[in-house]
């Protein structure tokens, strides 16, 4: 899968205020900012992003995805 395809899947399943994705075609690194992360721990946030990819993780279409997840407030705070 391409970076654009993965970004499209994530954006289609999760309202993102910011979404970055880098990788080499097998190993991907995402930064995801979403209000849906409010009140959720890191594992729940990651599970929410994985859910947008459906079976793509299980079938190895997306081999590995590392991510940093932020609420909009956290994103603003870390940017300043």
PDB file of N, CA and C in Angstrom:
ATOM      1  N   UNK A   1       0.844  -1.188   0.000  1.00  0.00           N
ATOM      2  CA  UNK A   1       0.000   0.000   0.000  1.00  0.00           C
ATOM      3  C   UNK A   1       0.886   1.248   0.000  1.00  0.00           C
ATOM      4  N   UNK A   2       0.348   2.301  -0.552  1.00  0.00           N
ATOM      5  CA  UNK A   2       1.075   3.561  -0.581  1.00  0.00           C
ATOM      6  C   UNK A   2       0.695   4.409   0.630  1.00  0.00           C
ATOM      7  N   UNK A   3       1.496   5.428   0.884  1.00  0.00           N
ATOM      8  CA  UNK A   3       1.209   6.348   1.981  1.00  0.00           C
ATOM      9  C   UNK A   3      -0.143   7.015   1.772  1.00  0.00           C
ATOM     10  N   UNK A   4      -0.437   7.417   0.541  1.00  0.00           N
ATOM     11  CA  UNK A   4      -1.723   8.067   0.265  1.00  0.00           C
ATOM     12  C   UNK A   4      -2.898   7.138   0.526  1.00  0.00           C
ATOM     13  N   UNK A   5      -2.759   5.866   0.187  1.00  0.00           N
ATOM     14  CA  UNK A   5      -3.839   4.908   0.435  1.00  0.00           C
ATOM     15  C   UNK A   5      -4.074   4.731   1.934  1.00  0.00           C
ATOM     16  N   UNK A   6      -3.003   4.613   2.696  1.00  0.00           N
ATOM     17  CA  UNK A   6      -3.131   4.435   4.145  1.00  0.00           C
ATOM     18  C   UNK A   6      -3.727   5.691   4.774  1.00  0.00           C
ATOM     19  N   UNK A   7      -3.245   6.859   4.378  1.00  0.00           N
ATOM     20  CA  UNK A   7      -3.797   8.115   4.895  1.00  0.00           C
ATOM     21  C   UNK A   7      -5.282   8.216   4.575  1.00  0.00           C
ATOM     22  N   UNK A   8      -5.675   7.826   3.393  1.00  0.00           N
ATOM     23  CA  UNK A   8      -7.092   7.878   3.009  1.00  0.00           C
ATOM     24  C   UNK A   8      -7.939   6.968   3.886  1.00  0.00           C
ATOM     25  N   UNK A   9      -7.437   5.778   4.174  1.00  0.00           N
ATOM     26  CA  UNK A   9      -8.174   4.853   5.040  1.00  0.00           C
ATOM     27  C   UNK A   9      -8.340   5.420   6.445  1.00  0.00           C
ATOM     28  N   UNK A  10      -7.252   5.960   6.991  1.00  0.00           N
ATOM     29  CA  UNK A  10      -7.315   6.528   8.339  1.00  0.00           C
ATOM     30  C   UNK A  10      -8.286   7.707   8.350  1.00  0.00           C
ATOM     31  N   UNK A  11      -8.150   8.610   7.396  1.00  0.00           N
ATOM     32  CA  UNK A  11      -8.998   9.806   7.346  1.00  0.00           C
ATOM     33  C   UNK A  11     -10.468   9.462   7.109  1.00  0.00           C
ATOM     34  N   UNK A  12     -10.726   8.382   6.386  1.00  0.00           N
ATOM     35  CA  UNK A  12     -12.115   7.976   6.130  1.00  0.00           C
ATOM     36  C   UNK A  12     -12.779   7.426   7.386  1.00  0.00           C
ATOM     37  N   UNK A  13     -11.998   6.863   8.290  1.00  0.00           N
ATOM     38  CA  UNK A  13     -12.568   6.244   9.478  1.00  0.00           C
ATOM     39  C   UNK A  13     -12.405   7.029  10.761  1.00  0.00           C
ATOM     40  N   UNK A  14     -11.678   8.152  10.687  1.00  0.00           N
ATOM     41  CA  UNK A  14     -11.381   8.923  11.892  1.00  0.00           C
ATOM     42  C   UNK A  14     -11.232  10.383  11.495  1.00  0.00           C
ATOM     43  N   UNK A  15     -11.999  11.251  12.146  1.00  0.00           N
ATOM     44  CA  UNK A  15     -11.881  12.673  11.853  1.00  0.00           C
ATOM     45  C   UNK A  15     -10.557  13.158  12.437  1.00  0.00           C
ATOM     46  N   UNK A  16      -9.661  13.596  11.558  1.00  0.00           N
ATOM     47  CA  UNK A  16      -8.325  14.015  11.971  1.00  0.00           C
ATOM     48  C   UNK A  16      -8.146  15.507  11.739  1.00  0.00           C
ATOM     49  N   UNK A  17      -7.607  16.181  12.745  1.00  0.00           N
ATOM     50  CA  UNK A  17      -7.253  17.580  12.566  1.00  0.00           C
ATOM     51  C   UNK A  17      -5.876  17.687  11.903  1.00  0.00           C
ATOM     52  N   UNK A  18      -5.082  16.642  12.051  1.00  0.00           N
ATOM     53  CA  UNK A  18      -3.745  16.589  11.453  1.00  0.00           C
ATOM     54  C   UNK A  18      -3.393  15.124  11.247  1.00  0.00           C
ATOM     55  N   UNK A  19      -2.784  14.816  10.111  1.00  0.00           N
ATOM     56  CA  UNK A  19      -2.402  13.435   9.813  1.00  0.00           C
ATOM     57  C   UNK A  19      -1.151  13.454   8.944  1.00  0.00           C
ATOM     58  N   UNK A  20      -0.080  12.888   9.472  1.00  0.00           N
ATOM     59  CA  UNK A  20       1.175  12.743   8.728  1.00  0.00           C
ATOM     60  C   UNK A  20       1.499  11.261   8.657  1.00  0.00           C
ATOM     61  N   UNK A  21       2.094  10.840   7.553  1.00  0.00           N
ATOM     62  CA  UNK A  21       2.481   9.442   7.406  1.00  0.00           C
ATOM     63  C   UNK A  21       3.764   9.372   6.585  1.00  0.00           C
ATOM     64  N   UNK A  22       4.729   8.654   7.121  1.00  0.00           N
ATOM     65  CA  UNK A  22       5.995   8.429   6.430  1.00  0.00           C
ATOM     66  C   UNK A  22       6.293   6.946   6.501  1.00  0.00           C
ATOM     67  N   UNK A  23       7.089   6.467   5.569  1.00  0.00           N
ATOM     68  CA  UNK A  23       7.471   5.069   5.625  1.00  0.00           C
ATOM     69  C   UNK A  23       8.173   4.617   4.376  1.00  0.00           C
ATOM     70  N   UNK A  24       8.531   3.345   4.399  1.00  0.00           N
ATOM     71  CA  UNK A  24       9.302   2.761   3.303  1.00  0.00           C
ATOM     72  C   UNK A  24       8.505   1.736   2.499  1.00  0.00           C
ATOM     73  N   UNK A  25       7.206   1.690   2.717  1.00  0.00           N
ATOM     74  CA  UNK A  25       6.376   0.725   2.015  1.00  0.00           C
ATOM     75  C   UNK A  25       6.039  -0.497   2.864  1.00  0.00           C
ATOM     76  N   UNK A  26       6.774  -0.722   3.922  1.00  0.00           N
ATOM     77  CA  UNK A  26       6.510  -1.826   4.858  1.00  0.00           C
ATOM     78  C   UNK A  26       6.343  -1.300   6.279  1.00  0.00           C
ATOM     79  N   UNK A  27       7.195  -0.378   6.668  1.00  0.00           N
ATOM     80  CA  UNK A  27       7.185   0.179   8.018  1.00  0.00           C
ATOM     81  C   UNK A  27       6.737   1.634   7.931  1.00  0.00           C
ATOM     82  N   UNK A  28       5.647   1.940   8.640  1.00  0.00           N
ATOM     83  CA  UNK A  28       5.030   3.247   8.552  1.00  0.00           C
ATOM     84  C   UNK A  28       5.066   3.938   9.909  1.00  0.00           C
ATOM     85  N   UNK A  29       5.143   5.265   9.862  1.00  0.00           N
ATOM     86  CA  UNK A  29       5.192   6.101  11.062  1.00  0.00           C
ATOM     87  C   UNK A  29       4.155   7.206  10.892  1.00  0.00           C
ATOM     88  N   UNK A  30       3.184   7.230  11.790  1.00  0.00           N
ATOM     89  CA  UNK A  30       2.079   8.183  11.663  1.00  0.00           C
ATOM     90  C   UNK A  30       2.019   9.119  12.860  1.00  0.00           C
ATOM     91  N   UNK A  31       1.609  10.336  12.585  1.00  0.00           N
ATOM     92  CA  UNK A  31       1.231  11.291  13.613  1.00  0.00           C
ATOM     93  C   UNK A  31      -0.229  11.617  13.349  1.00  0.00           C
ATOM     94  N   UNK A  32      -1.059  11.340  14.342  1.00  0.00           N
ATOM     95  CA  UNK A  32      -2.501  11.497  14.168  1.00  0.00           C
ATOM     96  C   UNK A  32      -3.037  12.393  15.283  1.00  0.00           C
ATOM     97  N   UNK A  33      -3.749  13.439  14.893  1.00  0.00           N
ATOM     98  CA  UNK A  33      -4.374  14.355  15.846  1.00  0.00           C
ATOM     99  C   UNK A  33      -5.878  14.290  15.629  1.00  0.00           C
ATOM    100  N   UNK A  34      -6.608  13.920  16.689  1.00  0.00           N
ATOM    101  CA  UNK A  34      -8.057  13.786  16.573  1.00  0.00           C
ATOM    102  C   UNK A  34      -8.740  14.108  17.904  1.00  0.00           C
ATOM    103  N   UNK A  35      -9.852  14.799  17.816  1.00  0.00           N
ATOM    104  CA  UNK A  35     -10.648  15.079  19.007  1.00  0.00           C
ATOM    105  C   UNK A  35     -11.227  13.793  19.589  1.00  0.00           C
ATOM    106  N   UNK A  36     -11.341  12.747  18.771  1.00  0.00           N
ATOM    107  CA  UNK A  36     -11.860  11.463  19.258  1.00  0.00           C
ATOM    108  C   UNK A  36     -10.949  10.831  20.311  1.00  0.00           C
ATOM    109  N   UNK A  37      -9.727  11.319  20.430  1.00  0.00           N
ATOM    110  CA  UNK A  37      -8.786  10.764  21.405  1.00  0.00           C
ATOM    111  C   UNK A  37      -8.983  11.338  22.806  1.00  0.00           C
ATOM    112  N   UNK A  38      -9.829  12.355  22.945  1.00  0.00           N
ATOM    113  CA  UNK A  38     -10.068  12.972  24.253  1.00  0.00           C
ATOM    114  C   UNK A  38     -10.468  11.909  25.272  1.00  0.00           C
ATOM    115  N   UNK A  39      -9.778  11.893  26.406  1.00  0.00           N
ATOM    116  CA  UNK A  39     -10.106  10.981  27.495  1.00  0.00           C
ATOM    117  C   UNK A  39      -9.666   9.544  27.279  1.00  0.00           C
ATOM    118  N   UNK A  40      -8.966   9.262  26.190  1.00  0.00           N
ATOM    119  CA  UNK A  40      -8.529   7.883  25.918  1.00  0.00           C
ATOM    120  C   UNK A  40      -7.038   7.730  26.196  1.00  0.00           C
ATOM    121  N   UNK A  41      -6.672   6.574  26.693  1.00  0.00           N
ATOM    122  CA  UNK A  41      -5.266   6.249  26.911  1.00  0.00           C
ATOM    123  C   UNK A  41      -4.625   5.891  25.570  1.00  0.00           C
ATOM    124  N   UNK A  42      -3.309   5.851  25.546  1.00  0.00           N
ATOM    125  CA  UNK A  42      -2.566   5.612  24.303  1.00  0.00           C
ATOM    126  C   UNK A  42      -3.002   4.326  23.614  1.00  0.00           C
ATOM    127  N   UNK A  43      -3.199   3.258  24.338  1.00  0.00           N
ATOM    128  CA  UNK A  43      -3.559   1.976  23.709  1.00  0.00           C
ATOM    129  C   UNK A  43      -4.917   2.081  23.017  1.00  0.00           C
ATOM    130  N   UNK A  44      -5.866   2.767  23.630  1.00  0.00           N
ATOM    131  CA  UNK A  44      -7.190   2.928  23.024  1.00  0.00           C
ATOM    132  C   UNK A  44      -7.112   3.811  21.779  1.00  0.00           C
ATOM    133  N   UNK A  45      -6.250   4.798  21.817  1.00  0.00           N
ATOM    134  CA  UNK A  45      -6.056   5.656  20.646  1.00  0.00           C
ATOM    135  C   UNK A  45      -5.479   4.848  19.485  1.00  0.00           C
ATOM    136  N   UNK A  46      -4.470   4.055  19.786  1.00  0.00           N
ATOM    137  CA  UNK A  46      -3.837   3.236  18.750  1.00  0.00           C
ATOM    138  C   UNK A  46      -4.826   2.219  18.185  1.00  0.00           C
ATOM    139  N   UNK A  47      -5.606   1.604  19.048  1.00  0.00           N
ATOM    140  CA  UNK A  47      -6.613   0.648  18.587  1.00  0.00           C
ATOM    141  C   UNK A  47      -7.625   1.327  17.676  1.00  0.00           C
ATOM    142  N   UNK A  48      -7.947   2.578  17.979  1.00  0.00           N
ATOM    143  CA  UNK A  48      -8.896   3.322  17.146  1.00  0.00           C
ATOM    144  C   UNK A  48      -8.319   3.548  15.750  1.00  0.00           C
ATOM    145  N   UNK A  49      -7.042   3.884  15.670  1.00  0.00           N
ATOM    146  CA  UNK A  49      -6.403   4.073  14.363  1.00  0.00           C
ATOM    147  C   UNK A  49      -6.309   2.727  13.641  1.00  0.00           C
ATOM    148  N   UNK A  50      -5.905   1.679  14.330  1.00  0.00           N
ATOM    149  CA  UNK A  50      -5.833   0.351  13.702  1.00  0.00           C
ATOM    150  C   UNK A  50      -7.187  -0.071  13.146  1.00  0.00           C
ATOM    151  N   UNK A  51      -8.260   0.290  13.842  1.00  0.00           N
ATOM    152  CA  UNK A  51      -9.605  -0.078  13.385  1.00  0.00           C
ATOM    153  C   UNK A  51      -9.919   0.529  12.021  1.00  0.00           C
ATOM    154  N   UNK A  52      -9.351   1.693  11.719  1.00  0.00           N
ATOM    155  CA  UNK A  52      -9.607   2.318  10.421  1.00  0.00           C
ATOM    156  C   UNK A  52      -8.969   1.522   9.279  1.00  0.00           C
ATOM    157  N   UNK A  53      -7.965   0.735   9.607  1.00  0.00           N
ATOM    158  CA  UNK A  53      -7.268  -0.054   8.584  1.00  0.00           C
ATOM    159  C   UNK A  53      -7.905  -1.418   8.373  1.00  0.00           C
ATOM    160  N   UNK A  54      -8.848  -1.775   9.229  1.00  0.00           N
ATOM    161  CA  UNK A  54      -9.561  -3.042   9.078  1.00  0.00           C
ATOM    162  C   UNK A  54      -8.608  -4.219   9.023  1.00  0.00           C
ATOM    163  N   UNK A  55      -8.792  -5.072   8.044  1.00  0.00           N
ATOM    164  CA  UNK A  55      -7.988  -6.294   7.933  1.00  0.00           C
ATOM    165  C   UNK A  55      -6.630  -6.061   7.280  1.00  0.00           C
ATOM    166  N   UNK A  56      -6.362  -4.835   6.876  1.00  0.00           N
ATOM    167  CA  UNK A  56      -5.087  -4.544   6.195  1.00  0.00           C
ATOM    168  C   UNK A  56      -3.879  -4.885   7.079  1.00  0.00           C
ATOM    169  N   UNK A  57      -4.017  -4.731   8.397  1.00  0.00           N
ATOM    170  CA  UNK A  57      -2.930  -5.085   9.322  1.00  0.00           C
ATOM    171  C   UNK A  57      -2.807  -6.606   9.440  1.00  0.00           C
ATOM    172  N   UNK A  58      -3.917  -7.292   9.444  1.00  0.00           N
ATOM    173  CA  UNK A  58      -3.910  -8.745   9.621  1.00  0.00           C
ATOM    174  C   UNK A  58      -3.443  -9.485   8.378  1.00  0.00           C
ATOM    175  N   UNK A  59      -3.685  -8.897   7.209  1.00  0.00           N
ATOM    176  CA  UNK A  59      -3.302  -9.558   5.957  1.00  0.00           C
ATOM    177  C   UNK A  59      -1.927  -9.114   5.478  1.00  0.00           C
ATOM    178  N   UNK A  60      -1.244  -8.302   6.270  1.00  0.00           N
ATOM    179  CA  UNK A  60       0.114  -7.832   5.989  1.00  0.00           C
ATOM    180  C   UNK A  60       0.179  -6.812   4.851  1.00  0.00           C
ATOM    181  N   UNK A  61      -0.968  -6.260   4.442  1.00  0.00           N
ATOM    182  CA  UNK A  61      -0.926  -5.166   3.470  1.00  0.00           C
ATOM    183  C   UNK A  61      -0.252  -3.953   4.102  1.00  0.00           C
ATOM    184  N   UNK A  62      -0.470  -3.801   5.410  1.00  0.00           N
ATOM    185  CA  UNK A  62       0.251  -2.817   6.213  1.00  0.00           C
ATOM    186  C   UNK A  62       1.034  -3.642   7.225  1.00  0.00           C
ATOM    187  N   UNK A  63       2.334  -3.753   7.002  1.00  0.00           N
ATOM    188  CA  UNK A  63       3.147  -4.638   7.837  1.00  0.00           C
ATOM    189  C   UNK A  63       3.331  -4.084   9.247  1.00  0.00           C
ATOM    190  N   UNK A  64       3.716  -2.826   9.354  1.00  0.00           N
ATOM    191  CA  UNK A  64       3.972  -2.236  10.673  1.00  0.00           C
ATOM    192  C   UNK A  64       3.585  -0.767  10.652  1.00  0.00           C
ATOM    193  N   UNK A  65       2.927  -0.338  11.719  1.00  0.00           N
ATOM    194  CA  UNK A  65       2.532   1.057  11.848  1.00  0.00           C
ATOM    195  C   UNK A  65       2.852   1.519  13.258  1.00  0.00           C
ATOM    196  N   UNK A  66       3.815   2.413  13.376  1.00  0.00           N
ATOM    197  CA  UNK A  66       4.115   3.072  14.646  1.00  0.00           C
ATOM    198  C   UNK A  66       3.410   4.414  14.609  1.00  0.00           C
ATOM    199  N   UNK A  67       2.960   4.865  15.747  1.00  0.00           N
ATOM    200  CA  UNK A  67       2.236   6.132  15.711  1.00  0.00           C
ATOM    201  C   UNK A  67       2.380   6.928  16.990  1.00  0.00           C
ATOM    202  N   UNK A  68       2.199   8.224  16.800  1.00  0.00           N
ATOM    203  CA  UNK A  68       2.060   9.167  17.900  1.00  0.00           C
ATOM    204  C   UNK A  68       0.660   9.734  17.743  1.00  0.00           C
ATOM    205  N   UNK A  69      -0.105   9.715  18.820  1.00  0.00           N
ATOM    206  CA  UNK A  69      -1.483  10.185  18.771  1.00  0.00           C
ATOM    207  C   UNK A  69      -1.670  11.319  19.771  1.00  0.00           C
ATOM    208  N   UNK A  70      -2.372  12.350  19.332  1.00  0.00           N
ATOM    209  CA  UNK A  70      -2.583  13.533  20.154  1.00  0.00           C
ATOM    210  C   UNK A  70      -4.023  14.007  20.036  1.00  0.00           C
ATOM    211  N   UNK A  71      -4.509  14.627  21.107  1.00  0.00           N
ATOM    212  CA  UNK A  71      -5.738  15.410  21.014  1.00  0.00           C
ATOM    213  C   UNK A  71      -5.331  16.752  20.412  1.00  0.00           C
ATOM    214  N   UNK A  72      -6.274  17.538  19.920  1.00  0.00           N
ATOM    215  CA  UNK A  72      -5.900  18.865  19.400  1.00  0.00           C
ATOM    216  C   UNK A  72      -5.189  19.731  20.442  1.00  0.00           C
ATOM    217  N   UNK A  73      -5.617  19.669  21.699  1.00  0.00           N
ATOM    218  CA  UNK A  73      -4.973  20.459  22.754  1.00  0.00           C
ATOM    219  C   UNK A  73      -3.540  19.993  23.009  1.00  0.00           C
ATOM    220  N   UNK A  74      -3.334  18.681  23.029  1.00  0.00           N
ATOM    221  CA  UNK A  74      -1.983  18.139  23.212  1.00  0.00           C
ATOM    222  C   UNK A  74      -1.082  18.533  22.050  1.00  0.00           C
ATOM    223  N   UNK A  75      -1.634  18.489  20.839  1.00  0.00           N
ATOM    224  CA  UNK A  75      -0.869  18.855  19.655  1.00  0.00           C
ATOM    225  C   UNK A  75      -0.442  20.319  19.705  1.00  0.00           C
ATOM    226  N   UNK A  76      -1.368  21.183  20.087  1.00  0.00           N
ATOM    227  CA  UNK A  76      -1.055  22.612  20.211  1.00  0.00           C
ATOM    228  C   UNK A  76       0.004  22.857  21.276  1.00  0.00           C
ATOM    229  N   UNK A  77      -0.124  22.164  22.407  1.00  0.00           N
ATOM    230  CA  UNK A  77       0.822  22.340  23.506  1.00  0.00           C
ATOM    231  C   UNK A  77       2.222  21.876  23.134  1.00  0.00           C
ATOM    232  N   UNK A  78       2.330  20.769  22.429  1.00  0.00           N
ATOM    233  CA  UNK A  78       3.671  20.256  22.090  1.00  0.00           C
ATOM    234  C   UNK A  78       4.302  21.042  20.955  1.00  0.00           C
ATOM    235  N   UNK A  79       3.473  21.737  20.169  1.00  0.00           N
ATOM    236  CA  UNK A  79       4.003  22.539  19.063  1.00  0.00           C
ATOM    237  C   UNK A  79       4.596  23.857  19.554  1.00  0.00           C
ATOM    238  N   UNK A  80       4.169  24.291  20.752  1.00  0.00           N
ATOM    239  CA  UNK A  80       4.684  25.568  21.247  1.00  0.00           C
ATOM    240  C   UNK A  80       5.796  25.416  22.244  1.00  0.00           C
TER     241      UNK A  80
END
